[in-house]
Protein backbone atom coordinates (compact mmCIF):
# COMPACT_ATOMS: atom_id res chain seq x y z
CA MET A 1 158.09 60.36 90.85
CA TYR A 2 154.86 58.98 90.04
CA CYS A 3 153.63 57.04 87.61
CA GLU A 4 150.69 58.10 86.05
CA LYS A 5 149.57 54.70 84.77
CA CYS A 6 149.65 52.22 87.22
CA ASN A 7 149.53 54.78 90.54
CA ARG A 8 152.74 54.01 92.33
CA ILE A 9 155.82 56.01 93.83
CA ILE A 10 159.06 55.18 91.59
CA GLU A 11 162.39 56.22 92.10
CA ALA A 12 163.41 55.97 88.40
CA ASP A 13 163.30 58.07 85.15
CA ARG A 14 161.04 54.77 83.98
CA CYS A 15 158.30 52.67 86.03
CA PRO A 16 159.87 49.23 87.03
CA VAL A 17 156.05 47.86 87.04
CA CYS A 18 154.48 49.13 83.90
CA LYS A 19 157.56 50.08 81.94
CA SER A 20 155.82 53.63 81.40
CA ARG A 21 157.60 57.17 81.10
CA LYS A 22 154.50 58.93 81.84
CA ILE A 23 156.12 59.92 85.01
CA ARG A 24 156.44 62.95 86.93
CA GLU A 25 156.48 64.89 90.43
CA PRO A 26 153.28 63.75 93.01
CA GLU A 27 150.98 65.87 94.29
CA ALA A 28 149.10 66.13 97.11
CA LYS A 29 145.63 64.18 95.79
CA ASP A 30 147.00 62.21 93.59
CA PRO A 31 146.32 57.96 94.00
CA CYS A 32 149.13 56.22 95.20
CA TYR A 33 149.48 52.53 95.09
CA LEU A 34 149.89 51.11 98.66
CA THR A 35 149.22 47.09 98.64
CA GLU A 36 147.26 44.31 97.43
CA GLN A 37 145.58 42.23 99.90
CA ASP A 38 143.60 38.82 100.24
CA TYR A 39 139.81 39.15 101.14
CA LEU A 40 140.70 38.72 104.89
CA SER A 41 143.23 41.07 105.19
CA SER A 42 141.56 43.36 103.11
CA GLY A 43 138.63 43.75 105.65
CA ILE A 44 141.07 44.68 108.49
CA LEU A 45 143.31 46.90 106.21
CA GLU A 46 140.11 48.81 105.49
CA ASP A 47 139.02 49.21 109.36
CA MET A 48 141.98 50.38 109.97
CA LEU A 49 142.40 53.16 107.45
CA LYS A 50 138.45 54.25 108.45
CA GLN A 51 139.82 54.44 112.10
CA ASN A 52 142.75 56.57 110.95
CA ASN A 53 140.80 58.72 108.91
CA ILE A 54 142.67 58.20 105.75
CA PRO A 55 140.52 58.25 102.57
CA TYR A 56 141.25 55.12 99.96
CA LEU A 57 140.23 53.48 96.75
CA LYS A 58 139.81 49.97 96.79
CA LYS A 59 140.05 47.84 93.57
CA ASP A 60 138.91 44.08 93.64
CA VAL A 61 141.81 42.64 91.16
CA MET A 62 138.99 39.35 89.88
CA GLY A 63 135.88 41.65 89.46
CA ALA A 64 132.38 40.82 91.12
CA GLY A 65 131.36 37.99 88.10
CA MET A 66 134.75 36.41 88.82
CA ALA A 67 134.17 36.62 92.72
CA ILE A 68 130.91 35.28 92.30
CA LYS A 69 131.67 32.30 90.26
CA VAL A 70 135.13 31.41 92.73
CA GLY A 71 133.74 32.84 95.65
CA PRO A 72 134.96 35.97 97.61
CA MET A 73 137.58 34.25 99.84
CA LEU A 74 140.15 34.24 96.49
CA GLU A 75 139.52 38.01 95.63
CA ARG A 76 142.18 40.51 96.07
CA SER A 77 142.27 44.29 96.42
CA ARG A 78 144.38 46.94 95.57
CA PHE A 79 144.57 49.75 97.81
CA TYR A 80 145.32 53.84 96.99
CA VAL A 81 145.45 56.06 99.06
CA PRO A 82 146.44 60.04 98.52
CA PHE A 83 149.91 60.89 98.06
CA GLU A 84 149.49 62.88 101.06
CA GLN A 85 148.25 60.36 103.21
CA LEU A 86 150.57 57.57 101.69
CA SER A 87 153.69 57.58 104.70
CA SER A 88 150.73 57.60 107.43
CA ALA A 89 149.00 54.66 105.51
CA MET A 90 152.12 52.60 104.77
CA SER A 91 152.94 53.06 108.82
CA ILE A 92 149.54 51.11 109.31
CA LEU A 93 150.09 48.67 107.05
CA ASP A 94 153.58 48.15 108.36
CA ASP A 95 152.15 47.80 112.08
CA LEU A 96 149.48 45.39 110.90
CA PHE A 97 151.31 42.92 109.16
CA SER A 98 154.49 42.90 111.25
CA ALA A 99 152.32 42.37 114.26
CA ALA A 100 150.58 39.63 112.38
CA GLU A 101 153.82 38.03 111.48
CA ASP A 102 155.05 37.60 115.14
């Protein structure tokens, strides 16, 4: 199921993240939450998504004003990909960060 409020794929009748009941079957073009990463990891993930021709939306958590104040290294970014590309993007994410742990 797909939560319309926080754009997450869930397995319940209520979103465990935002508690919304606005859920439905996902459609191919629905933007789905992939991950939240720090500044450096965001750049790497962005590059890998581009190389694999996976469209994405990147939203900064703090916003430009706060990032200027505290510095870009503390910024975190959330990534969203179309539902039809979610499994491919998850595979890239797993490969990237499981390799970083090794």
